[in-house]
C-alpha atoms as a PDB file:
ATOM      1  CA  UNK A   1       3.099 104.146  -5.231  1.00  0.00           C
ATOM      2  CA  UNK A   2       1.742 104.229  -1.699  1.00  0.00           C
ATOM      3  CA  UNK A   3       4.204 101.524  -0.739  1.00  0.00           C
ATOM      4  CA  UNK A   4       7.078 103.516  -2.240  1.00  0.00           C
ATOM      5  CA  UNK A   5       6.005 106.707  -0.431  1.00  0.00           C
ATOM      6  CA  UNK A   6       5.710 104.815   2.818  1.00  0.00           C
ATOM      7  CA  UNK A   7       9.180 103.382   2.347  1.00  0.00           C
ATOM      8  CA  UNK A   8      10.625 106.828   1.613  1.00  0.00           C
ATOM      9  CA  UNK A   9       8.885 108.291   4.666  1.00  0.00           C
ATOM     10  CA  UNK A  10      10.147 105.466   6.840  1.00  0.00           C
ATOM     11  CA  UNK A  11      13.685 105.970   5.551  1.00  0.00           C
ATOM     12  CA  UNK A  12      13.484 109.713   6.265  1.00  0.00           C
ATOM     13  CA  UNK A  13      12.294 108.983   9.790  1.00  0.00           C
ATOM     14  CA  UNK A  14      15.160 106.571  10.361  1.00  0.00           C
ATOM     15  CA  UNK A  15      17.686 109.070   8.990  1.00  0.00           C
ATOM     16  CA  UNK A  16      16.257 111.795  11.204  1.00  0.00           C
ATOM     17  CA  UNK A  17      16.419 109.545  14.257  1.00  0.00           C
ATOM     18  CA  UNK A  18      19.977 108.598  13.375  1.00  0.00           C
ATOM     19  CA  UNK A  19      20.907 112.268  13.102  1.00  0.00           C
ATOM     20  CA  UNK A  20      19.458 112.962  16.522  1.00  0.00           C
ATOM     21  CA  UNK A  21      21.303 109.975  17.976  1.00  0.00           C
ATOM     22  CA  UNK A  22      24.509 111.188  16.315  1.00  0.00           C
ATOM     23  CA  UNK A  23      24.398 114.469  18.239  1.00  0.00           C
ATOM     24  CA  UNK A  24      27.111 114.891  20.838  1.00  0.00           C
ATOM     25  CA  UNK A  25      25.450 114.876  24.236  1.00  0.00           C
ATOM     26  CA  UNK A  26      27.055 116.935  26.992  1.00  0.00           C
ATOM     27  CA  UNK A  27      26.289 117.141  30.689  1.00  0.00           C
ATOM     28  CA  UNK A  28      27.121 120.383  32.514  1.00  0.00           C
ATOM     29  CA  UNK A  29      27.677 120.342  36.275  1.00  0.00           C
ATOM     30  CA  UNK A  30      26.476 123.504  37.985  1.00  0.00           C
ATOM     31  CA  UNK A  31      25.567 124.055  41.642  1.00  0.00           C
ATOM     32  CA  UNK A  32      22.477 124.122  43.865  1.00  0.00           C
ATOM     33  CA  UNK A  33      19.328 125.139  42.003  1.00  0.00           C
ATOM     34  CA  UNK A  34      18.758 127.813  44.681  1.00  0.00           C
ATOM     35  CA  UNK A  35      21.918 129.641  43.593  1.00  0.00           C
ATOM     36  CA  UNK A  36      21.949 132.481  41.061  1.00  0.00           C
ATOM     37  CA  UNK A  37      24.881 130.659  39.459  1.00  0.00           C
ATOM     38  CA  UNK A  38      22.531 127.797  38.567  1.00  0.00           C
ATOM     39  CA  UNK A  39      20.471 130.250  36.537  1.00  0.00           C
ATOM     40  CA  UNK A  40      23.623 131.287  34.716  1.00  0.00           C
ATOM     41  CA  UNK A  41      24.296 127.710  33.670  1.00  0.00           C
ATOM     42  CA  UNK A  42      20.723 127.267  32.490  1.00  0.00           C
ATOM     43  CA  UNK A  43      21.284 130.281  30.218  1.00  0.00           C
ATOM     44  CA  UNK A  44      24.597 128.841  28.967  1.00  0.00           C
ATOM     45  CA  UNK A  45      22.890 125.519  28.308  1.00  0.00           C
ATOM     46  CA  UNK A  46      20.250 127.242  26.178  1.00  0.00           C
ATOM     47  CA  UNK A  47      22.937 129.105  24.216  1.00  0.00           C
ATOM     48  CA  UNK A  48      24.757 125.838  23.488  1.00  0.00           C
ATOM     49  CA  UNK A  49      21.586 124.051  22.366  1.00  0.00           C
ATOM     50  CA  UNK A  50      20.492 126.977  20.197  1.00  0.00           C
ATOM     51  CA  UNK A  51      23.848 127.941  18.703  1.00  0.00           C
ATOM     52  CA  UNK A  52      26.116 124.891  18.558  1.00  0.00           C
ATOM     53  CA  UNK A  53      25.172 122.503  15.789  1.00  0.00           C
ATOM     54  CA  UNK A  54      25.393 118.807  16.557  1.00  0.00           C
ATOM     55  CA  UNK A  55      25.489 119.250  20.342  1.00  0.00           C
ATOM     56  CA  UNK A  56      22.726 118.530  22.838  1.00  0.00           C
ATOM     57  CA  UNK A  57      23.509 119.778  26.356  1.00  0.00           C
ATOM     58  CA  UNK A  58      21.750 119.532  29.707  1.00  0.00           C
ATOM     59  CA  UNK A  59      22.435 120.941  33.180  1.00  0.00           C
ATOM     60  CA  UNK A  60      22.861 118.852  36.330  1.00  0.00           C
ATOM     61  CA  UNK A  61      22.374 120.257  39.827  1.00  0.00           C
ATOM     62  CA  UNK A  62      25.539 119.441  41.808  1.00  0.00           C
ATOM     63  CA  UNK A  63      27.478 120.403  44.891  1.00  0.00           C
ATOM     64  CA  UNK A  64      29.454 123.043  42.939  1.00  0.00           C
ATOM     65  CA  UNK A  65      33.244 123.256  42.570  1.00  0.00           C
ATOM     66  CA  UNK A  66      34.651 120.266  44.451  1.00  0.00           C
ATOM     67  CA  UNK A  67      31.789 117.997  43.419  1.00  0.00           C
ATOM     68  CA  UNK A  68      32.170 119.076  39.790  1.00  0.00           C
ATOM     69  CA  UNK A  69      35.910 118.424  39.810  1.00  0.00           C
ATOM     70  CA  UNK A  70      35.344 114.934  41.187  1.00  0.00           C
ATOM     71  CA  UNK A  71      32.665 114.286  38.570  1.00  0.00           C
ATOM     72  CA  UNK A  72      35.022 115.479  35.835  1.00  0.00           C
ATOM     73  CA  UNK A  73      37.669 113.062  37.109  1.00  0.00           C
ATOM     74  CA  UNK A  74      35.107 110.217  36.912  1.00  0.00           C
ATOM     75  CA  UNK A  75      33.852 111.198  33.438  1.00  0.00           C
ATOM     76  CA  UNK A  76      30.403 111.863  34.908  1.00  0.00           C
ATOM     77  CA  UNK A  77      30.166 115.391  33.469  1.00  0.00           C
ATOM     78  CA  UNK A  78      31.771 117.110  30.489  1.00  0.00           C
ATOM     79  CA  UNK A  79      31.878 120.703  31.799  1.00  0.00           C
ATOM     80  CA  UNK A  80      31.181 122.422  35.073  1.00  0.00           C
ATOM     81  CA  UNK A  81      31.424 125.353  37.472  1.00  0.00           C
ATOM     82  CA  UNK A  82      34.843 125.593  39.140  1.00  0.00           C
ATOM     83  CA  UNK A  83      36.292 128.463  41.174  1.00  0.00           C
ATOM     84  CA  UNK A  84      39.709 129.438  39.880  1.00  0.00           C
ATOM     85  CA  UNK A  85      41.589 128.946  43.158  1.00  0.00           C
ATOM     86  CA  UNK A  86      40.204 125.462  43.839  1.00  0.00           C
ATOM     87  CA  UNK A  87      40.609 124.599  40.159  1.00  0.00           C
ATOM     88  CA  UNK A  88      44.304 125.361  40.459  1.00  0.00           C
ATOM     89  CA  UNK A  89      44.641 123.276  43.638  1.00  0.00           C
ATOM     90  CA  UNK A  90      42.990 120.336  41.866  1.00  0.00           C
ATOM     91  CA  UNK A  91      45.128 120.673  38.728  1.00  0.00           C
ATOM     92  CA  UNK A  92      48.342 120.949  40.770  1.00  0.00           C
ATOM     93  CA  UNK A  93      47.370 118.239  43.291  1.00  0.00           C
ATOM     94  CA  UNK A  94      47.537 120.608  46.249  1.00  0.00           C
ATOM     95  CA  UNK A  95      45.625 121.072  49.522  1.00  0.00           C
ATOM     96  CA  UNK A  96      42.410 118.984  49.417  1.00  0.00           C
ATOM     97  CA  UNK A  97      43.656 117.333  46.206  1.00  0.00           C
ATOM     98  CA  UNK A  98      47.112 116.423  47.536  1.00  0.00           C
ATOM     99  CA  UNK A  99      48.171 113.190  45.853  1.00  0.00           C
ATOM    100  CA  UNK A 100      45.056 113.010  43.655  1.00  0.00           C
ATOM    101  CA  UNK A 101      45.103 115.816  41.097  1.00  0.00           C
ATOM    102  CA  UNK A 102      42.201 116.393  38.722  1.00  0.00           C
ATOM    103  CA  UNK A 103      43.114 117.163  35.127  1.00  0.00           C
ATOM    104  CA  UNK A 104      40.716 119.733  33.645  1.00  0.00           C
ATOM    105  CA  UNK A 105      40.858 122.523  31.057  1.00  0.00           C
ATOM    106  CA  UNK A 106      39.647 126.099  31.278  1.00  0.00           C
ATOM    107  CA  UNK A 107      36.921 127.251  28.877  1.00  0.00           C
ATOM    108  CA  UNK A 108      36.097 130.686  30.289  1.00  0.00           C
ATOM    109  CA  UNK A 109      35.722 132.749  33.481  1.00  0.00           C
ATOM    110  CA  UNK A 110      32.374 134.493  33.876  1.00  0.00           C
ATOM    111  CA  UNK A 111      32.712 136.496  37.083  1.00  0.00           C
ATOM    112  CA  UNK A 112      35.415 137.658  39.468  1.00  0.00           C
ATOM    113  CA  UNK A 113      35.217 138.197  43.209  1.00  0.00           C
ATOM    114  CA  UNK A 114      37.769 140.883  44.193  1.00  0.00           C
ATOM    115  CA  UNK A 115      38.723 140.657  47.862  1.00  0.00           C
ATOM    116  CA  UNK A 116      38.427 144.204  49.196  1.00  0.00           C
ATOM    117  CA  UNK A 117      40.414 145.279  52.259  1.00  0.00           C
ATOM    118  CA  UNK A 118      37.975 147.810  53.729  1.00  0.00           C
ATOM    119  CA  UNK A 119      39.227 150.024  56.558  1.00  0.00           C
ATOM    120  CA  UNK A 120      37.796 152.924  58.546  1.00  0.00           C
ATOM    121  CA  UNK A 121      39.254 156.264  57.462  1.00  0.00           C
ATOM    122  CA  UNK A 122      40.189 157.033  61.059  1.00  0.00           C
ATOM    123  CA  UNK A 123      42.162 153.801  61.475  1.00  0.00           C
ATOM    124  CA  UNK A 124      45.894 154.213  61.845  1.00  0.00           C
ATOM    125  CA  UNK A 125      46.524 152.223  58.665  1.00  0.00           C
ATOM    126  CA  UNK A 126      46.901 153.587  55.164  1.00  0.00           C
ATOM    127  CA  UNK A 127      48.685 150.559  53.707  1.00  0.00           C
ATOM    128  CA  UNK A 128      48.407 146.800  54.136  1.00  0.00           C
ATOM    129  CA  UNK A 129      51.645 146.486  56.105  1.00  0.00           C
ATOM    130  CA  UNK A 130      50.235 148.929  58.663  1.00  0.00           C
ATOM    131  CA  UNK A 131      47.536 146.396  59.570  1.00  0.00           C
ATOM    132  CA  UNK A 132      49.983 144.655  61.921  1.00  0.00           C
ATOM    133  CA  UNK A 133      48.307 144.489  65.330  1.00  0.00           C
ATOM    134  CA  UNK A 134      45.121 146.223  64.109  1.00  0.00           C
ATOM    135  CA  UNK A 135      41.805 144.672  65.164  1.00  0.00           C
ATOM    136  CA  UNK A 136      40.591 143.323  61.860  1.00  0.00           C
ATOM    137  CA  UNK A 137      38.189 140.736  60.461  1.00  0.00           C
ATOM    138  CA  UNK A 138      39.700 138.536  57.711  1.00  0.00           C
ATOM    139  CA  UNK A 139      36.311 137.463  56.370  1.00  0.00           C
ATOM    140  CA  UNK A 140      33.137 135.866  57.600  1.00  0.00           C
ATOM    141  CA  UNK A 141      33.809 132.809  59.766  1.00  0.00           C
ATOM    142  CA  UNK A 142      34.221 129.665  57.668  1.00  0.00           C
ATOM    143  CA  UNK A 143      34.245 131.507  54.338  1.00  0.00           C
ATOM    144  CA  UNK A 144      36.693 131.212  51.438  1.00  0.00           C
ATOM    145  CA  UNK A 145      37.424 134.900  51.988  1.00  0.00           C
ATOM    146  CA  UNK A 146      38.574 134.228  55.554  1.00  0.00           C
ATOM    147  CA  UNK A 147      40.951 131.386  54.678  1.00  0.00           C
ATOM    148  CA  UNK A 148      42.285 133.189  51.608  1.00  0.00           C
ATOM    149  CA  UNK A 149      42.900 136.437  53.504  1.00  0.00           C
ATOM    150  CA  UNK A 150      44.862 134.624  56.194  1.00  0.00           C
ATOM    151  CA  UNK A 151      46.980 132.881  53.536  1.00  0.00           C
ATOM    152  CA  UNK A 152      47.608 136.166  51.705  1.00  0.00           C
ATOM    153  CA  UNK A 153      48.602 138.052  54.852  1.00  0.00           C
ATOM    154  CA  UNK A 154      50.864 135.213  55.956  1.00  0.00           C
ATOM    155  CA  UNK A 155      52.563 135.288  52.542  1.00  0.00           C
ATOM    156  CA  UNK A 156      53.001 139.057  52.803  1.00  0.00           C
ATOM    157  CA  UNK A 157      54.219 138.910  56.418  1.00  0.00           C
ATOM    158  CA  UNK A 158      51.268 140.887  57.820  1.00  0.00           C
ATOM    159  CA  UNK A 159      49.787 140.000  61.228  1.00  0.00           C
ATOM    160  CA  UNK A 160      46.561 141.799  62.173  1.00  0.00           C
ATOM    161  CA  UNK A 161      44.748 141.122  65.437  1.00  0.00           C
ATOM    162  CA  UNK A 162      42.032 138.943  63.931  1.00  0.00           C
ATOM    163  CA  UNK A 163      38.464 139.278  65.171  1.00  0.00           C
ATOM    164  CA  UNK A 164      35.947 136.629  64.057  1.00  0.00           C
ATOM    165  CA  UNK A 165      32.231 136.993  63.486  1.00  0.00           C
ATOM    166  CA  UNK A 166      29.210 136.963  61.216  1.00  0.00           C
ATOM    167  CA  UNK A 167      28.471 139.677  58.676  1.00  0.00           C
ATOM    168  CA  UNK A 168      26.052 141.421  61.044  1.00  0.00           C
ATOM    169  CA  UNK A 169      28.512 141.315  63.959  1.00  0.00           C
ATOM    170  CA  UNK A 170      31.400 142.588  61.858  1.00  0.00           C
ATOM    171  CA  UNK A 171      29.455 145.421  60.231  1.00  0.00           C
ATOM    172  CA  UNK A 172      28.205 146.622  63.636  1.00  0.00           C
ATOM    173  CA  UNK A 173      31.710 146.364  65.098  1.00  0.00           C
ATOM    174  CA  UNK A 174      33.229 148.453  62.313  1.00  0.00           C
ATOM    175  CA  UNK A 175      30.507 151.067  62.628  1.00  0.00           C
ATOM    176  CA  UNK A 176      31.123 151.569  66.351  1.00  0.00           C
ATOM    177  CA  UNK A 177      34.913 151.276  66.107  1.00  0.00           C
ATOM    178  CA  UNK A 178      35.410 148.019  67.984  1.00  0.00           C
ATOM    179  CA  UNK A 179      37.286 146.732  64.936  1.00  0.00           C
ATOM    180  CA  UNK A 180      38.892 148.831  62.231  1.00  0.00           C
ATOM    181  CA  UNK A 181      38.024 146.910  59.073  1.00  0.00           C
ATOM    182  CA  UNK A 182      37.451 143.665  57.241  1.00  0.00           C
ATOM    183  CA  UNK A 183      37.930 141.848  53.941  1.00  0.00           C
ATOM    184  CA  UNK A 184      34.786 141.427  51.877  1.00  0.00           C
ATOM    185  CA  UNK A 185      34.186 140.075  48.378  1.00  0.00           C
ATOM    186  CA  UNK A 186      33.185 142.743  45.910  1.00  0.00           C
ATOM    187  CA  UNK A 187      30.401 142.532  43.351  1.00  0.00           C
ATOM    188  CA  UNK A 188      32.310 142.893  40.124  1.00  0.00           C
ATOM    189  CA  UNK A 189      34.175 146.204  40.376  1.00  0.00           C
ATOM    190  CA  UNK A 190      31.854 147.540  43.069  1.00  0.00           C
ATOM    191  CA  UNK A 191      31.876 147.276  46.856  1.00  0.00           C
ATOM    192  CA  UNK A 192      29.279 144.925  48.253  1.00  0.00           C
ATOM    193  CA  UNK A 193      26.099 145.913  50.093  1.00  0.00           C
ATOM    194  CA  UNK A 194      27.491 145.460  53.607  1.00  0.00           C
ATOM    195  CA  UNK A 195      30.393 147.797  52.832  1.00  0.00           C
ATOM    196  CA  UNK A 196      28.032 150.379  51.370  1.00  0.00           C
ATOM    197  CA  UNK A 197      25.964 150.109  54.552  1.00  0.00           C
ATOM    198  CA  UNK A 198      29.041 150.859  56.684  1.00  0.00           C
ATOM    199  CA  UNK A 199      30.028 153.737  54.406  1.00  0.00           C
ATOM    200  CA  UNK A 200      26.653 155.454  54.841  1.00  0.00           C
ATOM    201  CA  UNK A 201      27.749 157.047  58.131  1.00  0.00           C
ATOM    202  CA  UNK A 202      31.318 155.761  58.583  1.00  0.00           C
ATOM    203  CA  UNK A 203      33.883 156.957  56.031  1.00  0.00           C
ATOM    204  CA  UNK A 204      35.930 154.047  54.733  1.00  0.00           C
ATOM    205  CA  UNK A 205      38.809 153.414  52.367  1.00  0.00           C
ATOM    206  CA  UNK A 206      40.037 150.344  50.494  1.00  0.00           C
ATOM    207  CA  UNK A 207      43.697 149.447  50.957  1.00  0.00           C
ATOM    208  CA  UNK A 208      45.689 148.537  47.869  1.00  0.00           C
ATOM    209  CA  UNK A 209      48.434 146.027  47.288  1.00  0.00           C
ATOM    210  CA  UNK A 210      51.735 147.701  46.567  1.00  0.00           C
ATOM    211  CA  UNK A 211      53.484 146.752  43.338  1.00  0.00           C
ATOM    212  CA  UNK A 212      55.943 144.635  45.325  1.00  0.00           C
ATOM    213  CA  UNK A 213      53.136 142.881  47.220  1.00  0.00           C
ATOM    214  CA  UNK A 214      51.266 142.204  43.980  1.00  0.00           C
ATOM    215  CA  UNK A 215      54.392 140.646  42.466  1.00  0.00           C
ATOM    216  CA  UNK A 216      54.841 138.485  45.570  1.00  0.00           C
ATOM    217  CA  UNK A 217      51.308 137.108  45.284  1.00  0.00           C
ATOM    218  CA  UNK A 218      51.704 136.439  41.582  1.00  0.00           C
ATOM    219  CA  UNK A 219      54.872 134.474  42.283  1.00  0.00           C
ATOM    220  CA  UNK A 220      53.896 132.647  45.469  1.00  0.00           C
ATOM    221  CA  UNK A 221      50.102 132.250  45.209  1.00  0.00           C
ATOM    222  CA  UNK A 222      49.349 131.341  41.584  1.00  0.00           C
ATOM    223  CA  UNK A 223      45.912 130.058  42.633  1.00  0.00           C
ATOM    224  CA  UNK A 224      44.847 133.703  42.991  1.00  0.00           C
ATOM    225  CA  UNK A 225      44.543 136.540  40.515  1.00  0.00           C
ATOM    226  CA  UNK A 226      45.799 140.071  41.098  1.00  0.00           C
ATOM    227  CA  UNK A 227      43.315 142.589  39.689  1.00  0.00           C
ATOM    228  CA  UNK A 228      43.193 146.340  39.222  1.00  0.00           C
ATOM    229  CA  UNK A 229      39.908 147.924  40.296  1.00  0.00           C
ATOM    230  CA  UNK A 230      39.172 151.278  38.658  1.00  0.00           C
ATOM    231  CA  UNK A 231      38.163 154.398  40.526  1.00  0.00           C
ATOM    232  CA  UNK A 232      34.539 154.394  41.649  1.00  0.00           C
ATOM    233  CA  UNK A 233      34.113 151.056  43.437  1.00  0.00           C
ATOM    234  CA  UNK A 234      32.324 153.203  46.005  1.00  0.00           C
ATOM    235  CA  UNK A 235      31.828 156.926  46.425  1.00  0.00           C
ATOM    236  CA  UNK A 236      35.220 158.616  46.738  1.00  0.00           C
ATOM    237  CA  UNK A 237      37.173 155.351  46.428  1.00  0.00           C
ATOM    238  CA  UNK A 238      40.263 155.706  44.191  1.00  0.00           C
ATOM    239  CA  UNK A 239      41.625 152.933  41.970  1.00  0.00           C
ATOM    240  CA  UNK A 240      43.365 150.092  43.804  1.00  0.00           C
ATOM    241  CA  UNK A 241      44.917 146.660  43.305  1.00  0.00           C
ATOM    242  CA  UNK A 242      43.824 143.563  45.191  1.00  0.00           C
ATOM    243  CA  UNK A 243      43.659 139.792  44.985  1.00  0.00           C
ATOM    244  CA  UNK A 244      40.689 137.874  43.622  1.00  0.00           C
ATOM    245  CA  UNK A 245      39.398 134.526  42.559  1.00  0.00           C
ATOM    246  CA  UNK A 246      37.040 133.888  39.703  1.00  0.00           C
ATOM    247  CA  UNK A 247      34.183 131.540  38.897  1.00  0.00           C
ATOM    248  CA  UNK A 248      34.917 129.612  35.735  1.00  0.00           C
ATOM    249  CA  UNK A 249      33.736 126.851  33.436  1.00  0.00           C
ATOM    250  CA  UNK A 250      36.147 123.932  33.182  1.00  0.00           C
ATOM    251  CA  UNK A 251      35.937 121.010  30.780  1.00  0.00           C
ATOM    252  CA  UNK A 252      37.147 117.440  30.684  1.00  0.00           C
ATOM    253  CA  UNK A 253      40.456 117.259  28.748  1.00  0.00           C
ATOM    254  CA  UNK A 254      38.844 114.823  26.279  1.00  0.00           C
ATOM    255  CA  UNK A 255      36.164 117.272  25.160  1.00  0.00           C
ATOM    256  CA  UNK A 256      36.451 117.513  21.377  1.00  0.00           C
ATOM    257  CA  UNK A 257      38.472 120.575  20.296  1.00  0.00           C
ATOM    258  CA  UNK A 258      35.954 121.722  17.691  1.00  0.00           C
ATOM    259  CA  UNK A 259      33.095 121.330  20.163  1.00  0.00           C
ATOM    260  CA  UNK A 260      34.952 123.380  22.782  1.00  0.00           C
ATOM    261  CA  UNK A 261      35.712 126.031  20.164  1.00  0.00           C
ATOM    262  CA  UNK A 262      32.080 126.297  19.077  1.00  0.00           C
ATOM    263  CA  UNK A 263      30.834 126.437  22.682  1.00  0.00           C
ATOM    264  CA  UNK A 264      33.246 129.218  23.678  1.00  0.00           C
ATOM    265  CA  UNK A 265      32.443 131.121  20.476  1.00  0.00           C
ATOM    266  CA  UNK A 266      28.689 130.862  21.151  1.00  0.00           C
ATOM    267  CA  UNK A 267      29.046 132.005  24.758  1.00  0.00           C
ATOM    268  CA  UNK A 268      31.377 134.911  23.951  1.00  0.00           C
ATOM    269  CA  UNK A 269      29.125 136.135  21.127  1.00  0.00           C
ATOM    270  CA  UNK A 270      25.777 135.821  22.921  1.00  0.00           C
ATOM    271  CA  UNK A 271      26.126 137.879  26.127  1.00  0.00           C
ATOM    272  CA  UNK A 272      22.536 139.050  26.574  1.00  0.00           C
ATOM    273  CA  UNK A 273      20.963 135.752  27.761  1.00  0.00           C
ATOM    274  CA  UNK A 274      23.784 135.410  30.283  1.00  0.00           C
ATOM    275  CA  UNK A 275      23.303 138.950  31.603  1.00  0.00           C
ATOM    276  CA  UNK A 276      19.557 138.396  31.913  1.00  0.00           C
ATOM    277  CA  UNK A 277      20.188 135.319  34.044  1.00  0.00           C
ATOM    278  CA  UNK A 278      23.174 136.600  36.048  1.00  0.00           C
ATOM    279  CA  UNK A 279      23.467 140.384  36.171  1.00  0.00           C
ATOM    280  CA  UNK A 280      27.133 140.409  37.283  1.00  0.00           C
ATOM    281  CA  UNK A 281      28.230 139.485  33.745  1.00  0.00           C
ATOM    282  CA  UNK A 282      26.519 142.478  32.109  1.00  0.00           C
ATOM    283  CA  UNK A 283      28.993 144.703  30.262  1.00  0.00           C
ATOM    284  CA  UNK A 284      31.909 142.464  31.293  1.00  0.00           C
ATOM    285  CA  UNK A 285      34.572 141.353  28.815  1.00  0.00           C
ATOM    286  CA  UNK A 286      34.548 137.618  29.514  1.00  0.00           C
ATOM    287  CA  UNK A 287      37.453 136.906  27.175  1.00  0.00           C
ATOM    288  CA  UNK A 288      39.747 139.412  28.880  1.00  0.00           C
ATOM    289  CA  UNK A 289      38.539 138.280  32.301  1.00  0.00           C
ATOM    290  CA  UNK A 290      39.396 134.694  31.410  1.00  0.00           C
ATOM    291  CA  UNK A 291      42.945 135.562  30.395  1.00  0.00           C
ATOM    292  CA  UNK A 292      43.497 137.722  33.492  1.00  0.00           C
ATOM    293  CA  UNK A 293      41.965 135.438  36.128  1.00  0.00           C
ATOM    294  CA  UNK A 294      42.247 131.879  34.786  1.00  0.00           C
ATOM    295  CA  UNK A 295      44.617 129.572  36.655  1.00  0.00           C
ATOM    296  CA  UNK A 296      44.822 126.347  34.607  1.00  0.00           C
ATOM    297  CA  UNK A 297      45.634 125.740  30.928  1.00  0.00           C
ATOM    298  CA  UNK A 298      42.971 126.594  28.399  1.00  0.00           C
ATOM    299  CA  UNK A 299      41.271 123.878  26.393  1.00  0.00           C
ATOM    300  CA  UNK A 300      42.787 123.923  22.899  1.00  0.00           C
ATOM    301  CA  UNK A 301      39.400 124.839  21.414  1.00  0.00           C
ATOM    302  CA  UNK A 302      39.010 127.807  23.757  1.00  0.00           C
ATOM    303  CA  UNK A 303      42.553 128.964  23.052  1.00  0.00           C
ATOM    304  CA  UNK A 304      41.876 128.847  19.311  1.00  0.00           C
ATOM    305  CA  UNK A 305      38.872 131.143  19.693  1.00  0.00           C
ATOM    306  CA  UNK A 306      40.724 133.684  21.846  1.00  0.00           C
ATOM    307  CA  UNK A 307      43.704 133.706  19.477  1.00  0.00           C
ATOM    308  CA  UNK A 308      41.375 134.374  16.544  1.00  0.00           C
ATOM    309  CA  UNK A 309      40.199 137.471  18.406  1.00  0.00           C
ATOM    310  CA  UNK A 310      43.777 138.736  18.493  1.00  0.00           C
ATOM    311  CA  UNK A 311      44.179 138.099  22.220  1.00  0.00           C
ATOM    312  CA  UNK A 312      47.500 137.107  23.743  1.00  0.00           C
ATOM    313  CA  UNK A 313      47.330 134.007  25.893  1.00  0.00           C
ATOM    314  CA  UNK A 314      49.546 134.081  29.029  1.00  0.00           C
ATOM    315  CA  UNK A 315      52.134 131.329  29.341  1.00  0.00           C
ATOM    316  CA  UNK A 316      50.329 129.790  32.332  1.00  0.00           C
ATOM    317  CA  UNK A 317      47.145 129.346  30.263  1.00  0.00           C
ATOM    318  CA  UNK A 318      48.713 127.907  27.119  1.00  0.00           C
ATOM    319  CA  UNK A 319      47.134 124.566  26.130  1.00  0.00           C
ATOM    320  CA  UNK A 320      49.221 121.568  27.148  1.00  0.00           C
ATOM    321  CA  UNK A 321      48.025 119.137  24.476  1.00  0.00           C
END
């Protein structure tokens, strides 16, 4: 009897070990562990491990977007952080990825960085086209905001008198009127801290894209999103339209469809751990954000989940499989 019990116990142990080994193991590329975005991916990893049966995930510290795209192309990770503009460049084989595109699929977008055109109220500019010749900072030197602003204004035929500098220099220069404004990433639908600092004693406004300008960007700069910001981004700031890029999770095209579906479902239906780790996602509709800001085709599993929620998937995001 003891021998039989021992044999049964041994068989159970082997079956259990086999079940563990049979789990699908996924590696998620994130960013530097010092970044708040790394904390977000730790939370996502926990959701996957707790909610998705048959999947065991872990997070890898990486060099963020470009590094993650290269790792996806080498099958070194299964999912990872990718900004929507660079993700589009990689998918289309443009700019830094000219001649060597990276094929990836969108799972979801978790935050958006609206690019706010902040201008002093006493500046002689109430629309974007009136920025021609105005002393203006396109974004902090070397930033994605700076390069994106210059590309947007070139596309729209707008030529400010650009003034370069650090955040501190630019804020001080706007306060004392040496320059009239700047472009600064927002925090969700709110103006960022540096803009709020300026607005304490210097009345400011945020310039909006016109409908024609918005259509031009949609047609000629598909790497960017055009977003509508509701009234209240700052005290007295009316609703406006601007360009933005998002921070997304992309997957390798070979990620199993059912696995992708279950991961997206778990993330969409468990918002609290994400908000605790990364406050910018609190009260955000990640599904709607994904469909508005995404720039590459959805993974078929992600698309299935969104369609089940009654959401309409834009043509540009339709799965290509």
